[in-house]
């Protein structure tokens, strides 16, 4: 009988340890996603971050902005593109991609953030196209925030979009 009790006790410890490990693993996976901003509008299909998406803004392609940014500087644009990478520290910017064209998307007045798990999703955003110079130090800092050796961020003159709204699909 004492041997049976020892086996049952060992089995209970094993079951409890396995349950704690499983819960810890799930909690660890959930903690990888950072959501510092709540959506300002949401439906069953999407969440809007920043401001509700203004669909009256002229839609252009990301490729147009990337290749002919000077035509868009200072103008508001609405773009649908795939998120290739997101800042993994806060979700304070992302890299949008369409084909070989990539553009960094920052957020107006640093006033909102996107969830850090939206890489690969097709998002729609509205923002103003700007032209600026990225220093080597800033390029290295941005690459570090992405959590990779990001080739998309290089020093020099760039066109970026300062978004006022980002619509993220729920699927």
N, C-alpha and C. Protein backbone atom coordinates (compact mmCIF):
# COMPACT_ATOMS: atom_id res chain seq x y z
N UNK A 1 0.82 -1.21 0.00
CA UNK A 1 0.00 0.00 0.00
C UNK A 1 0.86 1.27 0.00
N UNK A 2 1.93 1.37 0.82
CA UNK A 2 2.75 2.58 0.77
C UNK A 2 3.36 2.80 -0.61
N UNK A 3 3.71 1.72 -1.32
CA UNK A 3 4.27 1.85 -2.66
C UNK A 3 3.24 2.44 -3.62
N UNK A 4 1.97 2.02 -3.50
CA UNK A 4 0.90 2.54 -4.33
C UNK A 4 0.68 4.03 -4.05
N UNK A 5 0.70 4.42 -2.79
CA UNK A 5 0.53 5.83 -2.42
C UNK A 5 1.68 6.67 -2.99
N UNK A 6 2.88 6.15 -2.97
CA UNK A 6 4.03 6.87 -3.51
C UNK A 6 3.86 7.07 -5.01
N UNK A 7 3.36 6.02 -5.70
CA UNK A 7 3.14 6.14 -7.15
C UNK A 7 2.06 7.17 -7.46
N UNK A 8 0.94 7.14 -6.73
CA UNK A 8 -0.14 8.09 -6.95
C UNK A 8 0.36 9.50 -6.66
N UNK A 9 1.10 9.67 -5.58
CA UNK A 9 1.63 10.98 -5.23
C UNK A 9 2.58 11.49 -6.31
N UNK A 10 3.45 10.62 -6.83
CA UNK A 10 4.37 11.01 -7.89
C UNK A 10 3.60 11.36 -9.16
N UNK A 11 2.55 10.60 -9.45
CA UNK A 11 1.74 10.87 -10.62
C UNK A 11 1.04 12.23 -10.48
N UNK A 12 0.52 12.54 -9.30
CA UNK A 12 -0.13 13.84 -9.06
C UNK A 12 0.85 14.98 -9.25
N UNK A 13 2.06 14.82 -8.74
CA UNK A 13 3.08 15.86 -8.89
C UNK A 13 3.40 16.06 -10.37
N UNK A 14 3.51 14.96 -11.11
CA UNK A 14 3.79 15.03 -12.53
C UNK A 14 2.66 15.74 -13.28
N UNK A 15 1.43 15.42 -12.95
CA UNK A 15 0.26 16.04 -13.59
C UNK A 15 0.24 17.54 -13.28
N UNK A 16 0.46 17.89 -12.03
CA UNK A 16 0.45 19.30 -11.63
C UNK A 16 1.58 20.05 -12.32
N UNK A 17 2.77 19.46 -12.35
CA UNK A 17 3.91 20.10 -13.00
C UNK A 17 3.65 20.30 -14.49
N UNK A 18 3.04 19.29 -15.14
CA UNK A 18 2.72 19.40 -16.56
C UNK A 18 1.70 20.52 -16.79
N UNK A 19 0.70 20.60 -15.93
CA UNK A 19 -0.32 21.64 -16.05
C UNK A 19 0.29 23.02 -15.86
N UNK A 20 1.17 23.17 -14.90
CA UNK A 20 1.81 24.46 -14.66
C UNK A 20 2.67 24.84 -15.86
N UNK A 21 3.41 23.87 -16.40
CA UNK A 21 4.24 24.13 -17.58
C UNK A 21 3.39 24.55 -18.76
N UNK A 22 2.28 23.87 -18.98
CA UNK A 22 1.40 24.18 -20.11
C UNK A 22 0.81 25.57 -19.96
N UNK A 23 0.33 25.90 -18.79
CA UNK A 23 -0.24 27.23 -18.55
C UNK A 23 0.84 28.28 -18.71
N UNK A 24 2.02 28.02 -18.19
CA UNK A 24 3.14 28.95 -18.33
C UNK A 24 3.51 29.16 -19.78
N UNK A 25 3.48 28.11 -20.58
CA UNK A 25 3.81 28.24 -22.00
C UNK A 25 2.77 29.08 -22.73
N UNK A 26 1.50 28.86 -22.44
CA UNK A 26 0.45 29.66 -23.06
C UNK A 26 0.59 31.11 -22.64
N UNK A 27 0.83 31.35 -21.36
CA UNK A 27 0.98 32.72 -20.87
C UNK A 27 2.19 33.37 -21.52
N UNK A 28 3.27 32.61 -21.69
CA UNK A 28 4.47 33.17 -22.33
C UNK A 28 4.18 33.55 -23.77
N UNK A 29 3.42 32.70 -24.50
CA UNK A 29 3.08 33.01 -25.88
C UNK A 29 2.20 34.26 -25.96
N UNK A 30 1.24 34.37 -25.05
CA UNK A 30 0.36 35.53 -25.04
C UNK A 30 1.13 36.79 -24.70
N UNK A 31 2.15 36.69 -23.86
CA UNK A 31 2.89 37.87 -23.45
C UNK A 31 3.76 38.41 -24.57
N UNK A 32 3.97 37.64 -25.63
CA UNK A 32 4.76 38.11 -26.76
C UNK A 32 4.02 39.17 -27.56
N UNK A 33 2.69 39.17 -27.53
CA UNK A 33 1.91 40.16 -28.25
C UNK A 33 1.71 41.37 -27.35
N UNK A 34 2.14 42.52 -27.86
CA UNK A 34 2.00 43.76 -27.09
C UNK A 34 0.93 44.59 -27.75
N UNK A 35 -0.05 45.03 -26.94
CA UNK A 35 -1.14 45.90 -27.41
C UNK A 35 -1.19 47.10 -26.49
N UNK A 36 -0.48 48.16 -26.84
CA UNK A 36 -0.45 49.35 -26.00
C UNK A 36 -1.59 50.31 -26.28
N UNK A 37 -2.30 50.12 -27.39
CA UNK A 37 -3.45 50.96 -27.73
C UNK A 37 -4.67 50.08 -27.96
N UNK A 38 -5.79 50.58 -27.53
CA UNK A 38 -7.05 49.90 -27.80
C UNK A 38 -7.62 50.46 -29.11
N UNK A 39 -8.37 49.65 -29.84
CA UNK A 39 -8.98 50.17 -31.07
C UNK A 39 -9.99 51.27 -30.77
N UNK A 40 -10.08 52.24 -31.68
CA UNK A 40 -11.07 53.32 -31.53
C UNK A 40 -12.39 52.93 -32.16
N UNK A 41 -12.35 51.92 -33.01
CA UNK A 41 -13.55 51.39 -33.66
C UNK A 41 -13.27 49.93 -33.97
N UNK A 42 -14.30 49.09 -33.78
CA UNK A 42 -14.11 47.68 -34.10
C UNK A 42 -15.42 47.05 -34.52
N UNK A 43 -15.28 46.07 -35.41
CA UNK A 43 -16.41 45.28 -35.86
C UNK A 43 -15.97 43.82 -35.79
N UNK A 44 -16.80 42.94 -36.27
CA UNK A 44 -16.42 41.53 -36.31
C UNK A 44 -15.30 41.30 -37.32
N UNK A 45 -15.16 42.21 -38.31
CA UNK A 45 -14.17 42.05 -39.37
C UNK A 45 -12.85 42.77 -39.13
N UNK A 46 -12.86 43.92 -38.39
CA UNK A 46 -11.64 44.72 -38.27
C UNK A 46 -11.58 45.50 -36.97
N UNK A 47 -10.40 46.07 -36.73
CA UNK A 47 -10.16 47.02 -35.65
C UNK A 47 -9.45 48.23 -36.24
N UNK A 48 -9.91 49.44 -35.89
CA UNK A 48 -9.23 50.66 -36.30
C UNK A 48 -8.42 51.20 -35.13
N UNK A 49 -7.16 51.52 -35.40
CA UNK A 49 -6.30 52.12 -34.38
C UNK A 49 -6.00 53.55 -34.80
N UNK A 50 -5.86 54.44 -33.82
CA UNK A 50 -5.64 55.85 -34.09
C UNK A 50 -6.97 56.55 -34.16
N UNK A 51 -7.48 56.74 -35.37
CA UNK A 51 -8.79 57.34 -35.62
C UNK A 51 -9.57 56.39 -36.51
N UNK A 52 -10.90 56.53 -36.54
CA UNK A 52 -11.65 55.72 -37.50
C UNK A 52 -11.13 55.99 -38.92
N UNK A 53 -11.02 54.95 -39.73
CA UNK A 53 -10.47 55.07 -41.07
C UNK A 53 -11.35 55.96 -41.94
N UNK A 54 -10.75 56.99 -42.54
CA UNK A 54 -11.47 57.91 -43.43
C UNK A 54 -11.39 57.36 -44.85
N UNK A 55 -12.48 56.74 -45.30
CA UNK A 55 -12.49 56.11 -46.62
C UNK A 55 -12.67 57.12 -47.75
N UNK A 56 -12.84 58.40 -47.42
CA UNK A 56 -12.97 59.41 -48.47
C UNK A 56 -11.59 59.87 -48.97
N UNK A 57 -10.52 59.51 -48.26
CA UNK A 57 -9.17 59.88 -48.70
C UNK A 57 -8.81 59.07 -49.94
N UNK A 58 -8.17 59.71 -50.90
CA UNK A 58 -7.81 59.06 -52.16
C UNK A 58 -6.94 57.84 -51.93
N UNK A 59 -7.32 56.75 -52.58
CA UNK A 59 -6.56 55.50 -52.47
C UNK A 59 -5.45 55.50 -53.51
N UNK A 60 -4.24 55.18 -53.08
CA UNK A 60 -3.09 55.04 -53.99
C UNK A 60 -2.37 53.75 -53.63
N UNK A 61 -1.47 53.33 -54.49
CA UNK A 61 -0.72 52.11 -54.19
C UNK A 61 0.55 52.47 -53.41
N UNK A 62 0.98 51.56 -52.61
CA UNK A 62 2.23 51.75 -51.87
C UNK A 62 3.39 51.88 -52.85
N UNK A 63 3.32 51.13 -53.93
CA UNK A 63 4.37 51.17 -54.94
C UNK A 63 4.49 52.58 -55.53
N UNK A 64 3.36 53.26 -55.74
CA UNK A 64 3.40 54.64 -56.26
C UNK A 64 4.13 55.57 -55.30
N UNK A 65 3.84 55.44 -54.03
CA UNK A 65 4.50 56.28 -53.03
C UNK A 65 5.98 55.96 -52.95
N UNK A 66 6.32 54.67 -53.01
CA UNK A 66 7.72 54.26 -52.90
C UNK A 66 8.55 54.72 -54.10
N UNK A 67 7.95 54.72 -55.28
CA UNK A 67 8.71 55.05 -56.48
C UNK A 67 8.61 56.52 -56.89
N UNK A 68 7.52 57.19 -56.51
CA UNK A 68 7.32 58.58 -56.88
C UNK A 68 6.84 59.39 -55.68
N UNK A 69 7.52 59.22 -54.57
CA UNK A 69 7.11 59.86 -53.32
C UNK A 69 7.02 61.36 -53.39
N UNK A 70 7.87 62.01 -54.18
CA UNK A 70 7.87 63.47 -54.24
C UNK A 70 6.51 64.01 -54.72
N UNK A 71 5.78 63.23 -55.50
CA UNK A 71 4.45 63.65 -55.98
C UNK A 71 3.40 63.62 -54.87
N UNK A 72 3.71 62.91 -53.79
CA UNK A 72 2.73 62.72 -52.71
C UNK A 72 3.08 63.46 -51.42
N UNK A 73 4.29 64.00 -51.32
CA UNK A 73 4.73 64.64 -50.06
C UNK A 73 3.73 65.71 -49.65
N UNK A 74 3.33 65.65 -48.39
CA UNK A 74 2.37 66.61 -47.84
C UNK A 74 0.93 66.27 -48.11
N UNK A 75 0.68 65.19 -48.82
CA UNK A 75 -0.69 64.80 -49.16
C UNK A 75 -1.14 63.60 -48.33
N UNK A 76 -2.44 63.56 -48.07
CA UNK A 76 -3.02 62.41 -47.38
C UNK A 76 -3.29 61.32 -48.41
N UNK A 77 -3.00 60.09 -48.03
CA UNK A 77 -3.23 58.94 -48.90
C UNK A 77 -3.89 57.83 -48.10
N UNK A 78 -4.60 56.97 -48.82
CA UNK A 78 -5.16 55.75 -48.22
C UNK A 78 -4.55 54.59 -48.98
N UNK A 79 -3.97 53.66 -48.25
CA UNK A 79 -3.22 52.56 -48.87
C UNK A 79 -3.62 51.25 -48.22
N UNK A 80 -3.69 50.21 -49.06
CA UNK A 80 -3.88 48.85 -48.58
C UNK A 80 -2.59 48.10 -48.91
N UNK A 81 -1.94 47.54 -47.89
CA UNK A 81 -0.67 46.84 -48.11
C UNK A 81 -0.47 45.79 -47.04
N UNK A 82 0.47 44.89 -47.30
CA UNK A 82 0.82 43.84 -46.34
C UNK A 82 1.84 44.38 -45.36
N UNK A 83 1.65 44.04 -44.10
CA UNK A 83 2.62 44.39 -43.07
C UNK A 83 3.72 43.33 -43.11
N UNK A 84 4.94 43.75 -43.41
CA UNK A 84 6.03 42.77 -43.45
C UNK A 84 6.71 42.63 -42.09
N UNK A 85 6.79 43.73 -41.33
CA UNK A 85 7.39 43.68 -40.00
C UNK A 85 6.77 44.76 -39.12
N UNK A 86 6.76 44.50 -37.81
CA UNK A 86 6.22 45.45 -36.83
C UNK A 86 7.26 45.65 -35.74
N UNK A 87 7.37 46.86 -35.22
CA UNK A 87 8.23 47.11 -34.06
C UNK A 87 7.80 46.16 -32.95
N UNK A 88 8.73 45.34 -32.49
CA UNK A 88 8.40 44.33 -31.48
C UNK A 88 8.49 44.87 -30.06
N UNK A 89 8.97 46.08 -29.89
CA UNK A 89 9.05 46.66 -28.54
C UNK A 89 7.72 47.26 -28.11
N UNK A 90 7.04 47.98 -29.04
CA UNK A 90 5.79 48.66 -28.68
C UNK A 90 4.72 48.63 -29.75
N UNK A 91 5.07 48.27 -30.97
CA UNK A 91 4.11 48.40 -32.07
C UNK A 91 4.01 49.84 -32.52
N UNK A 92 5.12 50.60 -32.39
CA UNK A 92 5.10 52.04 -32.69
C UNK A 92 5.37 52.36 -34.15
N UNK A 93 5.65 51.37 -34.98
CA UNK A 93 5.75 51.56 -36.42
C UNK A 93 5.71 50.19 -37.07
N UNK A 94 5.49 50.19 -38.39
CA UNK A 94 5.59 48.94 -39.13
C UNK A 94 6.13 49.21 -40.52
N UNK A 95 6.54 48.15 -41.17
CA UNK A 95 7.01 48.22 -42.54
C UNK A 95 5.90 47.65 -43.42
N UNK A 96 5.40 48.48 -44.35
CA UNK A 96 4.38 48.04 -45.30
C UNK A 96 5.08 47.62 -46.58
N UNK A 97 4.55 46.58 -47.22
CA UNK A 97 5.18 46.06 -48.43
C UNK A 97 4.14 45.75 -49.49
N UNK A 98 4.49 46.12 -50.71
CA UNK A 98 3.70 45.76 -51.89
C UNK A 98 4.70 45.37 -52.97
N UNK A 99 4.77 44.09 -53.29
CA UNK A 99 5.80 43.63 -54.23
C UNK A 99 7.18 43.90 -53.64
N UNK A 100 8.04 44.56 -54.40
CA UNK A 100 9.38 44.91 -53.91
C UNK A 100 9.42 46.26 -53.22
N UNK A 101 8.30 46.97 -53.19
CA UNK A 101 8.25 48.30 -52.57
C UNK A 101 7.97 48.19 -51.09
N UNK A 102 8.79 48.87 -50.29
CA UNK A 102 8.59 48.90 -48.85
C UNK A 102 8.62 50.35 -48.37
N UNK A 103 7.76 50.65 -47.40
CA UNK A 103 7.69 51.99 -46.83
C UNK A 103 7.45 51.83 -45.33
N UNK A 104 8.17 52.64 -44.55
CA UNK A 104 7.97 52.64 -43.10
C UNK A 104 6.75 53.49 -42.77
N UNK A 105 5.91 52.96 -41.87
CA UNK A 105 4.69 53.65 -41.44
C UNK A 105 4.84 53.98 -39.96
N UNK A 106 4.85 55.28 -39.65
CA UNK A 106 4.89 55.75 -38.25
C UNK A 106 3.49 56.26 -37.92
N UNK A 107 3.29 56.70 -36.68
CA UNK A 107 1.95 57.11 -36.27
C UNK A 107 1.93 58.56 -35.81
N UNK A 108 0.89 59.27 -36.22
CA UNK A 108 0.77 60.70 -35.98
C UNK A 108 0.93 61.03 -34.49
N UNK A 109 1.83 61.95 -34.23
CA UNK A 109 2.10 62.43 -32.87
C UNK A 109 2.48 61.31 -31.90
N UNK A 110 2.88 60.16 -32.43
CA UNK A 110 3.26 59.01 -31.57
C UNK A 110 2.13 58.72 -30.59
N UNK A 111 0.88 58.90 -31.07
CA UNK A 111 -0.28 58.87 -30.17
C UNK A 111 -1.00 57.52 -30.10
N UNK A 112 -0.59 56.57 -30.93
CA UNK A 112 -1.20 55.25 -30.86
C UNK A 112 -0.20 54.22 -31.38
N UNK A 113 -0.52 52.97 -31.13
CA UNK A 113 0.34 51.85 -31.52
C UNK A 113 -0.54 50.75 -32.11
N UNK A 114 0.08 49.83 -32.83
CA UNK A 114 -0.64 48.68 -33.36
C UNK A 114 -0.17 47.43 -32.62
N UNK A 115 -0.97 46.36 -32.61
CA UNK A 115 -0.53 45.12 -31.97
C UNK A 115 0.74 44.59 -32.66
N UNK A 116 1.61 43.98 -31.88
CA UNK A 116 2.89 43.52 -32.42
C UNK A 116 2.78 42.22 -33.22
N UNK A 117 1.59 41.66 -33.32
CA UNK A 117 1.42 40.38 -34.04
C UNK A 117 0.72 40.53 -35.39
N UNK A 118 0.80 41.71 -36.01
CA UNK A 118 0.06 41.90 -37.27
C UNK A 118 0.91 41.65 -38.51
N UNK A 119 2.14 41.20 -38.36
CA UNK A 119 2.97 40.89 -39.53
C UNK A 119 2.25 39.88 -40.43
N UNK A 120 2.30 40.13 -41.73
CA UNK A 120 1.66 39.24 -42.69
C UNK A 120 0.24 39.63 -43.03
N UNK A 121 -0.37 40.53 -42.27
CA UNK A 121 -1.76 40.92 -42.54
C UNK A 121 -1.83 42.05 -43.55
N UNK A 122 -2.91 42.05 -44.32
CA UNK A 122 -3.22 43.15 -45.24
C UNK A 122 -3.96 44.20 -44.43
N UNK A 123 -3.37 45.36 -44.26
CA UNK A 123 -4.00 46.44 -43.50
C UNK A 123 -4.29 47.61 -44.44
N UNK A 124 -5.18 48.47 -44.01
CA UNK A 124 -5.46 49.71 -44.72
C UNK A 124 -5.12 50.84 -43.77
N UNK A 125 -4.45 51.86 -44.28
CA UNK A 125 -4.10 52.98 -43.42
C UNK A 125 -4.23 54.28 -44.19
N UNK A 126 -4.45 55.35 -43.42
CA UNK A 126 -4.54 56.70 -43.96
C UNK A 126 -3.46 57.51 -43.28
N UNK A 127 -2.73 58.28 -44.07
CA UNK A 127 -1.69 59.11 -43.49
C UNK A 127 -1.12 60.08 -44.48
N UNK A 128 -0.19 60.89 -43.98
CA UNK A 128 0.48 61.90 -44.80
C UNK A 128 1.85 61.40 -45.20
N UNK A 129 2.18 61.56 -46.47
CA UNK A 129 3.50 61.18 -46.97
C UNK A 129 4.49 62.29 -46.61
N UNK A 130 5.63 61.88 -46.06
CA UNK A 130 6.69 62.83 -45.73
C UNK A 130 8.00 62.38 -46.37
N UNK A 131 8.92 63.31 -46.48
CA UNK A 131 10.27 63.01 -46.95
C UNK A 131 11.21 63.41 -45.82
N UNK A 132 12.18 62.55 -45.53
CA UNK A 132 13.14 62.88 -44.48
C UNK A 132 14.41 62.06 -44.66
N UNK A 133 15.42 62.40 -43.90
CA UNK A 133 16.69 61.67 -43.91
C UNK A 133 16.78 60.79 -42.68
N UNK A 134 17.17 59.55 -42.88
CA UNK A 134 17.38 58.60 -41.78
C UNK A 134 18.89 58.46 -41.59
N UNK A 135 19.33 58.70 -40.35
CA UNK A 135 20.76 58.56 -40.04
C UNK A 135 21.11 57.08 -39.89
N UNK A 136 22.38 56.78 -39.93
CA UNK A 136 22.84 55.39 -39.75
C UNK A 136 22.45 54.89 -38.36
N UNK A 137 22.58 55.76 -37.35
CA UNK A 137 22.20 55.37 -35.98
C UNK A 137 20.71 55.07 -35.88
N UNK A 138 19.89 55.92 -36.50
CA UNK A 138 18.44 55.70 -36.45
C UNK A 138 18.07 54.42 -37.20
N UNK A 139 18.69 54.17 -38.34
CA UNK A 139 18.42 52.94 -39.11
C UNK A 139 18.74 51.72 -38.26
N UNK A 140 19.86 51.76 -37.54
CA UNK A 140 20.24 50.64 -36.67
C UNK A 140 19.23 50.49 -35.53
N UNK A 141 18.79 51.61 -34.96
CA UNK A 141 17.81 51.58 -33.86
C UNK A 141 16.48 50.99 -34.34
N UNK A 142 16.01 51.41 -35.50
CA UNK A 142 14.75 50.91 -36.03
C UNK A 142 14.85 49.41 -36.33
N UNK A 143 15.96 48.99 -36.89
CA UNK A 143 16.16 47.56 -37.18
C UNK A 143 16.13 46.76 -35.88
N UNK A 144 16.74 47.30 -34.83
CA UNK A 144 16.73 46.62 -33.52
C UNK A 144 15.31 46.52 -32.98
N UNK A 145 14.52 47.60 -33.13
CA UNK A 145 13.13 47.58 -32.65
C UNK A 145 12.28 46.56 -33.41
N UNK A 146 12.63 46.31 -34.66
CA UNK A 146 11.90 45.30 -35.42
C UNK A 146 12.26 43.89 -34.96
N UNK A 147 13.38 43.77 -34.27
CA UNK A 147 13.80 42.47 -33.76
C UNK A 147 14.50 41.63 -34.79
N UNK A 148 15.01 42.27 -35.84
CA UNK A 148 15.69 41.53 -36.91
C UNK A 148 16.82 42.37 -37.47
N UNK A 149 17.54 41.77 -38.34
CA UNK A 149 18.52 42.51 -39.14
C UNK A 149 17.76 43.03 -40.35
N UNK A 150 16.96 44.04 -40.15
CA UNK A 150 16.06 44.53 -41.19
C UNK A 150 16.83 45.20 -42.32
N UNK A 151 16.68 44.68 -43.50
CA UNK A 151 17.31 45.26 -44.68
C UNK A 151 16.48 46.41 -45.23
N UNK A 152 15.19 46.50 -44.82
CA UNK A 152 14.33 47.53 -45.38
C UNK A 152 14.70 48.93 -44.89
N UNK A 153 15.37 49.03 -43.76
CA UNK A 153 15.67 50.35 -43.21
C UNK A 153 17.13 50.65 -43.45
N UNK A 154 17.35 51.64 -44.30
CA UNK A 154 18.71 52.03 -44.65
C UNK A 154 18.85 53.52 -44.42
N UNK A 155 20.06 53.96 -44.10
CA UNK A 155 20.27 55.40 -43.92
C UNK A 155 20.12 56.14 -45.25
N UNK A 156 19.73 57.41 -45.14
CA UNK A 156 19.62 58.25 -46.32
C UNK A 156 18.22 58.83 -46.46
N UNK A 157 17.95 59.50 -47.58
CA UNK A 157 16.63 60.10 -47.80
C UNK A 157 15.57 59.01 -48.05
N UNK A 158 14.41 59.18 -47.42
CA UNK A 158 13.34 58.21 -47.57
C UNK A 158 11.99 58.93 -47.62
N UNK A 159 11.01 58.22 -48.15
CA UNK A 159 9.62 58.64 -48.05
C UNK A 159 8.97 57.73 -47.03
N UNK A 160 8.25 58.32 -46.11
CA UNK A 160 7.53 57.56 -45.09
C UNK A 160 6.10 58.07 -45.05
N UNK A 161 5.27 57.32 -44.35
CA UNK A 161 3.89 57.75 -44.16
C UNK A 161 3.65 57.86 -42.66
N UNK A 162 3.11 59.01 -42.26
CA UNK A 162 2.73 59.21 -40.87
C UNK A 162 1.22 58.99 -40.82
N UNK A 163 0.84 57.82 -40.33
CA UNK A 163 -0.57 57.39 -40.35
C UNK A 163 -1.35 58.02 -39.21
N UNK A 164 -2.60 58.36 -39.53
CA UNK A 164 -3.54 58.81 -38.51
C UNK A 164 -4.52 57.71 -38.16
N UNK A 165 -4.56 56.67 -39.01
CA UNK A 165 -5.48 55.56 -38.81
C UNK A 165 -4.92 54.30 -39.46
N UNK A 166 -5.08 53.18 -38.77
CA UNK A 166 -4.68 51.89 -39.32
C UNK A 166 -5.82 50.92 -39.06
N UNK A 167 -6.31 50.28 -40.12
CA UNK A 167 -7.38 49.27 -40.00
C UNK A 167 -6.74 47.89 -40.13
N UNK A 168 -6.91 47.09 -39.09
CA UNK A 168 -6.33 45.75 -39.03
C UNK A 168 -7.46 44.72 -39.08
N UNK A 169 -7.40 43.78 -40.03
CA UNK A 169 -8.44 42.75 -40.07
C UNK A 169 -8.30 41.81 -38.87
N UNK A 170 -9.41 41.29 -38.42
CA UNK A 170 -9.39 40.37 -37.26
C UNK A 170 -8.91 38.97 -37.65
N UNK A 171 -9.04 38.58 -38.90
CA UNK A 171 -8.66 37.20 -39.28
C UNK A 171 -7.17 37.05 -39.41
